[in-house]
mmCIF file of all heavy atoms, coordinates in Angstrom:
data_MODEL
# 
_entry.id   MODEL 
# 
loop_
_atom_site.group_PDB 
_atom_site.id 
_atom_site.type_symbol 
_atom_site.label_atom_id 
_atom_site.label_alt_id 
_atom_site.label_comp_id 
_atom_site.label_asym_id 
_atom_site.label_entity_id 
_atom_site.label_seq_id 
_atom_site.pdbx_PDB_ins_code 
_atom_site.Cartn_x 
_atom_site.Cartn_y 
_atom_site.Cartn_z 
_atom_site.occupancy 
_atom_site.B_iso_or_equiv 
_atom_site.pdbx_formal_charge 
_atom_site.auth_seq_id 
_atom_site.auth_comp_id 
_atom_site.auth_asym_id 
_atom_site.auth_atom_id 
_atom_site.pdbx_PDB_model_num 
ATOM 1   N N   . GLU A 1 1  ? -21.480 -42.816 102.481 1.00 0.00 ? 1  GLU A N   1 
ATOM 2   C CA  . GLU A 1 1  ? -21.905 -42.749 101.035 1.00 0.00 ? 1  GLU A CA  1 
ATOM 3   C C   . GLU A 1 1  ? -20.624 -42.652 100.115 1.00 0.00 ? 1  GLU A C   1 
ATOM 4   O O   . GLU A 1 1  ? -20.591 -43.224 99.049  1.00 0.00 ? 1  GLU A O   1 
ATOM 5   C CB  . GLU A 1 1  ? -22.805 -41.582 100.808 1.00 0.00 ? 1  GLU A CB  1 
ATOM 6   C CG  . GLU A 1 1  ? -24.225 -41.671 101.399 1.00 0.00 ? 1  GLU A CG  1 
ATOM 7   C CD  . GLU A 1 1  ? -24.168 -41.329 102.954 1.00 0.00 ? 1  GLU A CD  1 
ATOM 8   O OE1 . GLU A 1 1  ? -23.176 -40.881 103.390 1.00 0.00 ? 1  GLU A OE1 1 
ATOM 9   O OE2 . GLU A 1 1  ? -25.197 -41.641 103.564 1.00 0.00 ? 1  GLU A OE2 1 
ATOM 10  N N   . ASP A 1 2  ? -19.635 -41.901 100.529 1.00 0.00 ? 2  ASP A N   1 
ATOM 11  C CA  . ASP A 1 2  ? -18.393 -41.792 99.816  1.00 0.00 ? 2  ASP A CA  1 
ATOM 12  C C   . ASP A 1 2  ? -17.756 -43.185 99.647  1.00 0.00 ? 2  ASP A C   1 
ATOM 13  O O   . ASP A 1 2  ? -17.268 -43.639 98.579  1.00 0.00 ? 2  ASP A O   1 
ATOM 14  C CB  . ASP A 1 2  ? -17.420 -40.852 100.407 1.00 0.00 ? 2  ASP A CB  1 
ATOM 15  C CG  . ASP A 1 2  ? -17.923 -39.419 100.365 1.00 0.00 ? 2  ASP A CG  1 
ATOM 16  O OD1 . ASP A 1 2  ? -18.649 -39.040 99.392  1.00 0.00 ? 2  ASP A OD1 1 
ATOM 17  O OD2 . ASP A 1 2  ? -17.535 -38.596 101.296 1.00 0.00 ? 2  ASP A OD2 1 
ATOM 18  N N   . TRP A 1 3  ? -17.606 -43.846 100.786 1.00 0.00 ? 3  TRP A N   1 
ATOM 19  C CA  . TRP A 1 3  ? -17.048 -45.241 100.811 1.00 0.00 ? 3  TRP A CA  1 
ATOM 20  C C   . TRP A 1 3  ? -17.926 -46.201 99.890  1.00 0.00 ? 3  TRP A C   1 
ATOM 21  O O   . TRP A 1 3  ? -17.280 -46.877 99.080  1.00 0.00 ? 3  TRP A O   1 
ATOM 22  C CB  . TRP A 1 3  ? -17.046 -45.770 102.198 1.00 0.00 ? 3  TRP A CB  1 
ATOM 23  C CG  . TRP A 1 3  ? -15.981 -45.211 103.075 1.00 0.00 ? 3  TRP A CG  1 
ATOM 24  C CD1 . TRP A 1 3  ? -16.017 -44.128 103.931 1.00 0.00 ? 3  TRP A CD1 1 
ATOM 25  C CD2 . TRP A 1 3  ? -14.541 -45.617 103.112 1.00 0.00 ? 3  TRP A CD2 1 
ATOM 26  N NE1 . TRP A 1 3  ? -14.831 -43.861 104.551 1.00 0.00 ? 3  TRP A NE1 1 
ATOM 27  C CE2 . TRP A 1 3  ? -13.918 -44.745 104.062 1.00 0.00 ? 3  TRP A CE2 1 
ATOM 28  C CE3 . TRP A 1 3  ? -13.908 -46.618 102.488 1.00 0.00 ? 3  TRP A CE3 1 
ATOM 29  C CZ2 . TRP A 1 3  ? -12.502 -44.896 104.358 1.00 0.00 ? 3  TRP A CZ2 1 
ATOM 30  C CZ3 . TRP A 1 3  ? -12.446 -46.797 102.791 1.00 0.00 ? 3  TRP A CZ3 1 
ATOM 31  C CH2 . TRP A 1 3  ? -11.855 -45.874 103.718 1.00 0.00 ? 3  TRP A CH2 1 
ATOM 32  N N   . ALA A 1 4  ? -19.217 -46.124 100.039 1.00 0.00 ? 4  ALA A N   1 
ATOM 33  C CA  . ALA A 1 4  ? -20.074 -46.960 99.173  1.00 0.00 ? 4  ALA A CA  1 
ATOM 34  C C   . ALA A 1 4  ? -19.861 -46.736 97.635  1.00 0.00 ? 4  ALA A C   1 
ATOM 35  O O   . ALA A 1 4  ? -19.789 -47.607 96.871  1.00 0.00 ? 4  ALA A O   1 
ATOM 36  C CB  . ALA A 1 4  ? -21.507 -46.740 99.589  1.00 0.00 ? 4  ALA A CB  1 
ATOM 37  N N   . GLU A 1 5  ? -19.708 -45.352 97.414  1.00 0.00 ? 5  GLU A N   1 
ATOM 38  C CA  . GLU A 1 5  ? -19.477 -45.024 95.979  1.00 0.00 ? 5  GLU A CA  1 
ATOM 39  C C   . GLU A 1 5  ? -18.151 -45.659 95.442  1.00 0.00 ? 5  GLU A C   1 
ATOM 40  O O   . GLU A 1 5  ? -18.099 -46.197 94.321  1.00 0.00 ? 5  GLU A O   1 
ATOM 41  C CB  . GLU A 1 5  ? -19.465 -43.518 95.828  1.00 0.00 ? 5  GLU A CB  1 
ATOM 42  C CG  . GLU A 1 5  ? -19.126 -43.059 94.353  1.00 0.00 ? 5  GLU A CG  1 
ATOM 43  C CD  . GLU A 1 5  ? -19.016 -41.545 94.308  1.00 0.00 ? 5  GLU A CD  1 
ATOM 44  O OE1 . GLU A 1 5  ? -19.409 -40.911 95.256  1.00 0.00 ? 5  GLU A OE1 1 
ATOM 45  O OE2 . GLU A 1 5  ? -18.528 -41.072 93.218  1.00 0.00 ? 5  GLU A OE2 1 
ATOM 46  N N   . ALA A 1 6  ? -17.143 -45.566 96.246  1.00 0.00 ? 6  ALA A N   1 
ATOM 47  C CA  . ALA A 1 6  ? -15.831 -46.107 95.847  1.00 0.00 ? 6  ALA A CA  1 
ATOM 48  C C   . ALA A 1 6  ? -15.891 -47.665 95.662  1.00 0.00 ? 6  ALA A C   1 
ATOM 49  O O   . ALA A 1 6  ? -15.339 -48.164 94.752  1.00 0.00 ? 6  ALA A O   1 
ATOM 50  C CB  . ALA A 1 6  ? -14.777 -45.714 96.857  1.00 0.00 ? 6  ALA A CB  1 
ATOM 51  N N   . PHE A 1 7  ? -16.662 -48.255 96.634  1.00 0.00 ? 7  PHE A N   1 
ATOM 52  C CA  . PHE A 1 7  ? -16.760 -49.744 96.589  1.00 0.00 ? 7  PHE A CA  1 
ATOM 53  C C   . PHE A 1 7  ? -17.586 -50.193 95.407  1.00 0.00 ? 7  PHE A C   1 
ATOM 54  O O   . PHE A 1 7  ? -17.525 -51.352 95.004  1.00 0.00 ? 7  PHE A O   1 
ATOM 55  C CB  . PHE A 1 7  ? -17.441 -50.244 97.876  1.00 0.00 ? 7  PHE A CB  1 
ATOM 56  C CG  . PHE A 1 7  ? -16.470 -50.481 98.981  1.00 0.00 ? 7  PHE A CG  1 
ATOM 57  C CD1 . PHE A 1 7  ? -15.468 -49.689 99.245  1.00 0.00 ? 7  PHE A CD1 1 
ATOM 58  C CD2 . PHE A 1 7  ? -16.680 -51.624 99.787  1.00 0.00 ? 7  PHE A CD2 1 
ATOM 59  C CE1 . PHE A 1 7  ? -14.575 -49.896 100.234 1.00 0.00 ? 7  PHE A CE1 1 
ATOM 60  C CE2 . PHE A 1 7  ? -15.725 -51.797 100.868 1.00 0.00 ? 7  PHE A CE2 1 
ATOM 61  C CZ  . PHE A 1 7  ? -14.715 -50.972 101.037 1.00 0.00 ? 7  PHE A CZ  1 
ATOM 62  N N   . ARG A 1 8  ? -18.400 -49.361 94.744  1.00 0.00 ? 8  ARG A N   1 
ATOM 63  C CA  . ARG A 1 8  ? -19.080 -49.695 93.581  1.00 0.00 ? 8  ARG A CA  1 
ATOM 64  C C   . ARG A 1 8  ? -18.309 -49.529 92.301  1.00 0.00 ? 8  ARG A C   1 
ATOM 65  O O   . ARG A 1 8  ? -18.799 -49.979 91.222  1.00 0.00 ? 8  ARG A O   1 
ATOM 66  C CB  . ARG A 1 8  ? -20.387 -48.847 93.492  1.00 0.00 ? 8  ARG A CB  1 
ATOM 67  C CG  . ARG A 1 8  ? -21.510 -49.114 94.532  1.00 0.00 ? 8  ARG A CG  1 
ATOM 68  C CD  . ARG A 1 8  ? -22.760 -48.501 94.127  1.00 0.00 ? 8  ARG A CD  1 
ATOM 69  N NE  . ARG A 1 8  ? -22.708 -47.078 94.199  1.00 0.00 ? 8  ARG A NE  1 
ATOM 70  C CZ  . ARG A 1 8  ? -22.970 -46.340 95.245  1.00 0.00 ? 8  ARG A CZ  1 
ATOM 71  N NH1 . ARG A 1 8  ? -23.353 -46.867 96.412  1.00 0.00 ? 8  ARG A NH1 1 
ATOM 72  N NH2 . ARG A 1 8  ? -22.932 -44.961 95.160  1.00 0.00 ? 8  ARG A NH2 1 
ATOM 73  N N   . THR A 1 9  ? -17.096 -49.033 92.395  1.00 0.00 ? 9  THR A N   1 
ATOM 74  C CA  . THR A 1 9  ? -16.298 -48.758 91.169  1.00 0.00 ? 9  THR A CA  1 
ATOM 75  C C   . THR A 1 9  ? -15.988 -49.958 90.370  1.00 0.00 ? 9  THR A C   1 
ATOM 76  O O   . THR A 1 9  ? -16.079 -49.994 89.144  1.00 0.00 ? 9  THR A O   1 
ATOM 77  C CB  . THR A 1 9  ? -15.050 -47.959 91.538  1.00 0.00 ? 9  THR A CB  1 
ATOM 78  O OG1 . THR A 1 9  ? -15.357 -46.788 92.281  1.00 0.00 ? 9  THR A OG1 1 
ATOM 79  C CG2 . THR A 1 9  ? -14.246 -47.718 90.353  1.00 0.00 ? 9  THR A CG2 1 
ATOM 80  N N   . PRO A 1 10 ? -15.401 -51.034 90.958  1.00 0.00 ? 10 PRO A N   1 
ATOM 81  C CA  . PRO A 1 10 ? -14.993 -52.216 90.152  1.00 0.00 ? 10 PRO A CA  1 
ATOM 82  C C   . PRO A 1 10 ? -16.232 -52.859 89.471  1.00 0.00 ? 10 PRO A C   1 
ATOM 83  O O   . PRO A 1 10 ? -17.267 -52.863 89.930  1.00 0.00 ? 10 PRO A O   1 
ATOM 84  C CB  . PRO A 1 10 ? -14.392 -53.157 91.207  1.00 0.00 ? 10 PRO A CB  1 
ATOM 85  C CG  . PRO A 1 10 ? -14.205 -52.373 92.401  1.00 0.00 ? 10 PRO A CG  1 
ATOM 86  C CD  . PRO A 1 10 ? -15.162 -51.287 92.385  1.00 0.00 ? 10 PRO A CD  1 
ATOM 87  N N   . GLY A 1 11 ? -15.906 -53.475 88.278  1.00 0.00 ? 11 GLY A N   1 
ATOM 88  C CA  . GLY A 1 11 ? -16.882 -54.240 87.564  1.00 0.00 ? 11 GLY A CA  1 
ATOM 89  C C   . GLY A 1 11 ? -17.133 -55.523 88.304  1.00 0.00 ? 11 GLY A C   1 
ATOM 90  O O   . GLY A 1 11 ? -16.365 -55.958 89.116  1.00 0.00 ? 11 GLY A O   1 
ATOM 91  N N   . PRO A 1 12 ? -18.247 -56.178 88.036  1.00 0.00 ? 12 PRO A N   1 
ATOM 92  C CA  . PRO A 1 12 ? -18.663 -57.413 88.744  1.00 0.00 ? 12 PRO A CA  1 
ATOM 93  C C   . PRO A 1 12 ? -17.647 -58.538 88.493  1.00 0.00 ? 12 PRO A C   1 
ATOM 94  O O   . PRO A 1 12 ? -17.658 -59.540 89.354  1.00 0.00 ? 12 PRO A O   1 
ATOM 95  C CB  . PRO A 1 12 ? -20.038 -57.742 88.200  1.00 0.00 ? 12 PRO A CB  1 
ATOM 96  C CG  . PRO A 1 12 ? -20.107 -57.026 86.856  1.00 0.00 ? 12 PRO A CG  1 
ATOM 97  C CD  . PRO A 1 12 ? -19.292 -55.823 86.969  1.00 0.00 ? 12 PRO A CD  1 
ATOM 98  N N   . ASP A 1 13 ? -16.954 -58.591 87.446  1.00 0.00 ? 13 ASP A N   1 
ATOM 99  C CA  . ASP A 1 13 ? -16.038 -59.712 87.140  1.00 0.00 ? 13 ASP A CA  1 
ATOM 100 C C   . ASP A 1 13 ? -14.630 -59.536 87.714  1.00 0.00 ? 13 ASP A C   1 
ATOM 101 O O   . ASP A 1 13 ? -13.818 -60.420 87.545  1.00 0.00 ? 13 ASP A O   1 
ATOM 102 C CB  . ASP A 1 13 ? -15.925 -59.859 85.616  1.00 0.00 ? 13 ASP A CB  1 
ATOM 103 C CG  . ASP A 1 13 ? -17.308 -60.268 85.036  1.00 0.00 ? 13 ASP A CG  1 
ATOM 104 O OD1 . ASP A 1 13 ? -18.071 -60.960 85.748  1.00 0.00 ? 13 ASP A OD1 1 
ATOM 105 O OD2 . ASP A 1 13 ? -17.582 -59.894 83.840  1.00 0.00 ? 13 ASP A OD2 1 
ATOM 106 N N   . LEU A 1 14 ? -14.379 -58.322 88.358  1.00 0.00 ? 14 LEU A N   1 
ATOM 107 C CA  . LEU A 1 14 ? -13.049 -58.165 88.870  1.00 0.00 ? 14 LEU A CA  1 
ATOM 108 C C   . LEU A 1 14 ? -12.862 -58.836 90.176  1.00 0.00 ? 14 LEU A C   1 
ATOM 109 O O   . LEU A 1 14 ? -13.715 -58.752 91.081  1.00 0.00 ? 14 LEU A O   1 
ATOM 110 C CB  . LEU A 1 14 ? -12.730 -56.594 89.024  1.00 0.00 ? 14 LEU A CB  1 
ATOM 111 C CG  . LEU A 1 14 ? -11.334 -56.151 89.002  1.00 0.00 ? 14 LEU A CG  1 
ATOM 112 C CD1 . LEU A 1 14 ? -10.760 -56.477 87.560  1.00 0.00 ? 14 LEU A CD1 1 
ATOM 113 C CD2 . LEU A 1 14 ? -11.289 -54.610 89.151  1.00 0.00 ? 14 LEU A CD2 1 
ATOM 114 N N   . VAL A 1 15 ? -11.721 -59.610 90.347  1.00 0.00 ? 15 VAL A N   1 
ATOM 115 C CA  . VAL A 1 15 ? -11.539 -60.329 91.541  1.00 0.00 ? 15 VAL A CA  1 
ATOM 116 C C   . VAL A 1 15 ? -11.114 -59.441 92.748  1.00 0.00 ? 15 VAL A C   1 
ATOM 117 O O   . VAL A 1 15 ? -10.784 -58.285 92.406  1.00 0.00 ? 15 VAL A O   1 
ATOM 118 C CB  . VAL A 1 15 ? -10.467 -61.438 91.353  1.00 0.00 ? 15 VAL A CB  1 
ATOM 119 C CG1 . VAL A 1 15 ? -10.871 -62.493 90.259  1.00 0.00 ? 15 VAL A CG1 1 
ATOM 120 C CG2 . VAL A 1 15 ? -9.155  -60.820 90.935  1.00 0.00 ? 15 VAL A CG2 1 
ATOM 121 N N   . HIS A 1 16 ? -11.223 -59.928 93.887  1.00 0.00 ? 16 HIS A N   1 
ATOM 122 C CA  . HIS A 1 16 ? -11.032 -59.149 95.095  1.00 0.00 ? 16 HIS A CA  1 
ATOM 123 C C   . HIS A 1 16 ? -9.811  -58.176 95.132  1.00 0.00 ? 16 HIS A C   1 
ATOM 124 O O   . HIS A 1 16 ? -9.831  -57.109 95.265  1.00 0.00 ? 16 HIS A O   1 
ATOM 125 C CB  . HIS A 1 16 ? -11.109 -60.021 96.311  1.00 0.00 ? 16 HIS A CB  1 
ATOM 126 C CG  . HIS A 1 16 ? -10.814 -59.333 97.611  1.00 0.00 ? 16 HIS A CG  1 
ATOM 127 N ND1 . HIS A 1 16 ? -11.788 -58.757 98.445  1.00 0.00 ? 16 HIS A ND1 1 
ATOM 128 C CD2 . HIS A 1 16 ? -9.646  -59.112 98.240  1.00 0.00 ? 16 HIS A CD2 1 
ATOM 129 C CE1 . HIS A 1 16 ? -11.213 -58.201 99.466  1.00 0.00 ? 16 HIS A CE1 1 
ATOM 130 N NE2 . HIS A 1 16 ? -9.929  -58.372 99.448  1.00 0.00 ? 16 HIS A NE2 1 
ATOM 131 N N   . ASN A 1 17 ? -8.683  -58.930 94.889  1.00 0.00 ? 17 ASN A N   1 
ATOM 132 C CA  . ASN A 1 17 ? -7.367  -58.272 95.133  1.00 0.00 ? 17 ASN A CA  1 
ATOM 133 C C   . ASN A 1 17 ? -7.182  -57.235 93.959  1.00 0.00 ? 17 ASN A C   1 
ATOM 134 O O   . ASN A 1 17 ? -6.518  -56.210 94.100  1.00 0.00 ? 17 ASN A O   1 
ATOM 135 C CB  . ASN A 1 17 ? -6.193  -59.252 95.174  1.00 0.00 ? 17 ASN A CB  1 
ATOM 136 C CG  . ASN A 1 17 ? -6.173  -59.940 96.492  1.00 0.00 ? 17 ASN A CG  1 
ATOM 137 O OD1 . ASN A 1 17 ? -6.707  -59.446 97.495  1.00 0.00 ? 17 ASN A OD1 1 
ATOM 138 N ND2 . ASN A 1 17 ? -5.589  -61.206 96.480  1.00 0.00 ? 17 ASN A ND2 1 
ATOM 139 N N   . ASP A 1 18 ? -7.625  -57.533 92.789  1.00 0.00 ? 18 ASP A N   1 
ATOM 140 C CA  . ASP A 1 18 ? -7.644  -56.634 91.640  1.00 0.00 ? 18 ASP A CA  1 
ATOM 141 C C   . ASP A 1 18 ? -8.481  -55.408 91.896  1.00 0.00 ? 18 ASP A C   1 
ATOM 142 O O   . ASP A 1 18 ? -8.168  -54.272 91.606  1.00 0.00 ? 18 ASP A O   1 
ATOM 143 C CB  . ASP A 1 18 ? -7.849  -57.247 90.281  1.00 0.00 ? 18 ASP A CB  1 
ATOM 144 C CG  . ASP A 1 18 ? -6.803  -58.151 89.857  1.00 0.00 ? 18 ASP A CG  1 
ATOM 145 O OD1 . ASP A 1 18 ? -5.718  -58.191 90.519  1.00 0.00 ? 18 ASP A OD1 1 
ATOM 146 O OD2 . ASP A 1 18 ? -6.986  -59.000 88.974  1.00 0.00 ? 18 ASP A OD2 1 
ATOM 147 N N   . ALA A 1 19 ? -9.660  -55.685 92.365  1.00 0.00 ? 19 ALA A N   1 
ATOM 148 C CA  . ALA A 1 19 ? -10.637 -54.580 92.697  1.00 0.00 ? 19 ALA A CA  1 
ATOM 149 C C   . ALA A 1 19 ? -10.127 -53.606 93.730  1.00 0.00 ? 19 ALA A C   1 
ATOM 150 O O   . ALA A 1 19 ? -10.542 -52.436 93.669  1.00 0.00 ? 19 ALA A O   1 
ATOM 151 C CB  . ALA A 1 19 ? -11.964 -55.222 93.119  1.00 0.00 ? 19 ALA A CB  1 
ATOM 152 N N   . ARG A 1 20 ? -9.342  -54.104 94.608  1.00 0.00 ? 20 ARG A N   1 
ATOM 153 C CA  . ARG A 1 20 ? -8.793  -53.330 95.635  1.00 0.00 ? 20 ARG A CA  1 
ATOM 154 C C   . ARG A 1 20 ? -8.034  -52.044 95.107  1.00 0.00 ? 20 ARG A C   1 
ATOM 155 O O   . ARG A 1 20 ? -8.222  -50.989 95.629  1.00 0.00 ? 20 ARG A O   1 
ATOM 156 C CB  . ARG A 1 20 ? -7.797  -54.203 96.507  1.00 0.00 ? 20 ARG A CB  1 
ATOM 157 C CG  . ARG A 1 20 ? -7.382  -53.650 97.775  1.00 0.00 ? 20 ARG A CG  1 
ATOM 158 C CD  . ARG A 1 20 ? -6.541  -54.719 98.578  1.00 0.00 ? 20 ARG A CD  1 
ATOM 159 N NE  . ARG A 1 20 ? -6.230  -54.258 99.832  1.00 0.00 ? 20 ARG A NE  1 
ATOM 160 C CZ  . ARG A 1 20 ? -5.060  -53.641 100.181 1.00 0.00 ? 20 ARG A CZ  1 
ATOM 161 N NH1 . ARG A 1 20 ? -4.211  -53.427 99.179  1.00 0.00 ? 20 ARG A NH1 1 
ATOM 162 N NH2 . ARG A 1 20 ? -4.852  -53.214 101.397 1.00 0.00 ? 20 ARG A NH2 1 
ATOM 163 N N   . ASP A 1 21 ? -7.252  -52.247 94.104  1.00 0.00 ? 21 ASP A N   1 
ATOM 164 C CA  . ASP A 1 21 ? -6.579  -51.079 93.530  1.00 0.00 ? 21 ASP A CA  1 
ATOM 165 C C   . ASP A 1 21 ? -7.552  -50.079 92.910  1.00 0.00 ? 21 ASP A C   1 
ATOM 166 O O   . ASP A 1 21 ? -7.338  -48.873 93.155  1.00 0.00 ? 21 ASP A O   1 
ATOM 167 C CB  . ASP A 1 21 ? -5.524  -51.509 92.418  1.00 0.00 ? 21 ASP A CB  1 
ATOM 168 C CG  . ASP A 1 21 ? -4.370  -52.252 93.033  1.00 0.00 ? 21 ASP A CG  1 
ATOM 169 O OD1 . ASP A 1 21 ? -4.142  -52.172 94.183  1.00 0.00 ? 21 ASP A OD1 1 
ATOM 170 O OD2 . ASP A 1 21 ? -3.589  -52.861 92.208  1.00 0.00 ? 21 ASP A OD2 1 
ATOM 171 N N   . GLU A 1 22 ? -8.548  -50.538 92.217  1.00 0.00 ? 22 GLU A N   1 
ATOM 172 C CA  . GLU A 1 22 ? -9.512  -49.579 91.654  1.00 0.00 ? 22 GLU A CA  1 
ATOM 173 C C   . GLU A 1 22 ? -10.286 -48.855 92.770  1.00 0.00 ? 22 GLU A C   1 
ATOM 174 O O   . GLU A 1 22 ? -10.557 -47.553 92.578  1.00 0.00 ? 22 GLU A O   1 
ATOM 175 C CB  . GLU A 1 22 ? -10.448 -50.333 90.749  1.00 0.00 ? 22 GLU A CB  1 
ATOM 176 C CG  . GLU A 1 22 ? -9.896  -50.823 89.405  1.00 0.00 ? 22 GLU A CG  1 
ATOM 177 C CD  . GLU A 1 22 ? -10.924 -51.181 88.442  1.00 0.00 ? 22 GLU A CD  1 
ATOM 178 O OE1 . GLU A 1 22 ? -12.135 -50.859 88.679  1.00 0.00 ? 22 GLU A OE1 1 
ATOM 179 O OE2 . GLU A 1 22 ? -10.543 -51.760 87.436  1.00 0.00 ? 22 GLU A OE2 1 
ATOM 180 N N   . ILE A 1 23 ? -10.690 -49.551 93.854  1.00 0.00 ? 23 ILE A N   1 
ATOM 181 C CA  . ILE A 1 23 ? -11.408 -48.882 94.858  1.00 0.00 ? 23 ILE A CA  1 
ATOM 182 C C   . ILE A 1 23 ? -10.481 -47.859 95.529  1.00 0.00 ? 23 ILE A C   1 
ATOM 183 O O   . ILE A 1 23 ? -10.977 -46.684 95.855  1.00 0.00 ? 23 ILE A O   1 
ATOM 184 C CB  . ILE A 1 23 ? -11.865 -49.963 95.912  1.00 0.00 ? 23 ILE A CB  1 
ATOM 185 C CG1 . ILE A 1 23 ? -12.879 -50.882 95.245  1.00 0.00 ? 23 ILE A CG1 1 
ATOM 186 C CG2 . ILE A 1 23 ? -12.425 -49.210 97.188  1.00 0.00 ? 23 ILE A CG2 1 
ATOM 187 C CD1 . ILE A 1 23 ? -13.327 -51.994 96.142  1.00 0.00 ? 23 ILE A CD1 1 
ATOM 188 N N   . TRP A 1 24 ? -9.253  -48.140 95.754  1.00 0.00 ? 24 TRP A N   1 
ATOM 189 C CA  . TRP A 1 24 ? -8.343  -47.180 96.374  1.00 0.00 ? 24 TRP A CA  1 
ATOM 190 C C   . TRP A 1 24 ? -8.185  -45.952 95.583  1.00 0.00 ? 24 TRP A C   1 
ATOM 191 O O   . TRP A 1 24 ? -8.234  -44.795 96.042  1.00 0.00 ? 24 TRP A O   1 
ATOM 192 C CB  . TRP A 1 24 ? -6.927  -47.876 96.662  1.00 0.00 ? 24 TRP A CB  1 
ATOM 193 C CG  . TRP A 1 24 ? -5.887  -46.978 97.164  1.00 0.00 ? 24 TRP A CG  1 
ATOM 194 C CD1 . TRP A 1 24 ? -4.770  -46.519 96.552  1.00 0.00 ? 24 TRP A CD1 1 
ATOM 195 C CD2 . TRP A 1 24 ? -5.898  -46.315 98.409  1.00 0.00 ? 24 TRP A CD2 1 
ATOM 196 N NE1 . TRP A 1 24 ? -4.066  -45.735 97.330  1.00 0.00 ? 24 TRP A NE1 1 
ATOM 197 C CE2 . TRP A 1 24 ? -4.635  -45.576 98.531  1.00 0.00 ? 24 TRP A CE2 1 
ATOM 198 C CE3 . TRP A 1 24 ? -6.748  -46.357 99.554  1.00 0.00 ? 24 TRP A CE3 1 
ATOM 199 C CZ2 . TRP A 1 24 ? -4.330  -44.802 99.665  1.00 0.00 ? 24 TRP A CZ2 1 
ATOM 200 C CZ3 . TRP A 1 24 ? -6.403  -45.532 100.720 1.00 0.00 ? 24 TRP A CZ3 1 
ATOM 201 C CH2 . TRP A 1 24 ? -5.175  -44.825 100.751 1.00 0.00 ? 24 TRP A CH2 1 
ATOM 202 N N   . GLU A 1 25 ? -7.938  -46.098 94.305  1.00 0.00 ? 25 GLU A N   1 
ATOM 203 C CA  . GLU A 1 25 ? -7.896  -45.001 93.384  1.00 0.00 ? 25 GLU A CA  1 
ATOM 204 C C   . GLU A 1 25 ? -9.164  -44.162 93.327  1.00 0.00 ? 25 GLU A C   1 
ATOM 205 O O   . GLU A 1 25 ? -9.094  -42.872 93.314  1.00 0.00 ? 25 GLU A O   1 
ATOM 206 C CB  . GLU A 1 25 ? -7.588  -45.462 91.923  1.00 0.00 ? 25 GLU A CB  1 
ATOM 207 C CG  . GLU A 1 25 ? -6.133  -46.077 91.756  1.00 0.00 ? 25 GLU A CG  1 
ATOM 208 C CD  . GLU A 1 25 ? -5.952  -46.662 90.480  1.00 0.00 ? 25 GLU A CD  1 
ATOM 209 O OE1 . GLU A 1 25 ? -6.881  -46.561 89.615  1.00 0.00 ? 25 GLU A OE1 1 
ATOM 210 O OE2 . GLU A 1 25 ? -4.886  -47.279 90.285  1.00 0.00 ? 25 GLU A OE2 1 
# 
């Protein structure tokens, strides 16, 4: 559930590699 919560962080328009930084943070 923690991982799923982090994966939901980026907005829908953020591309994969940019979303990666937001998910890590």
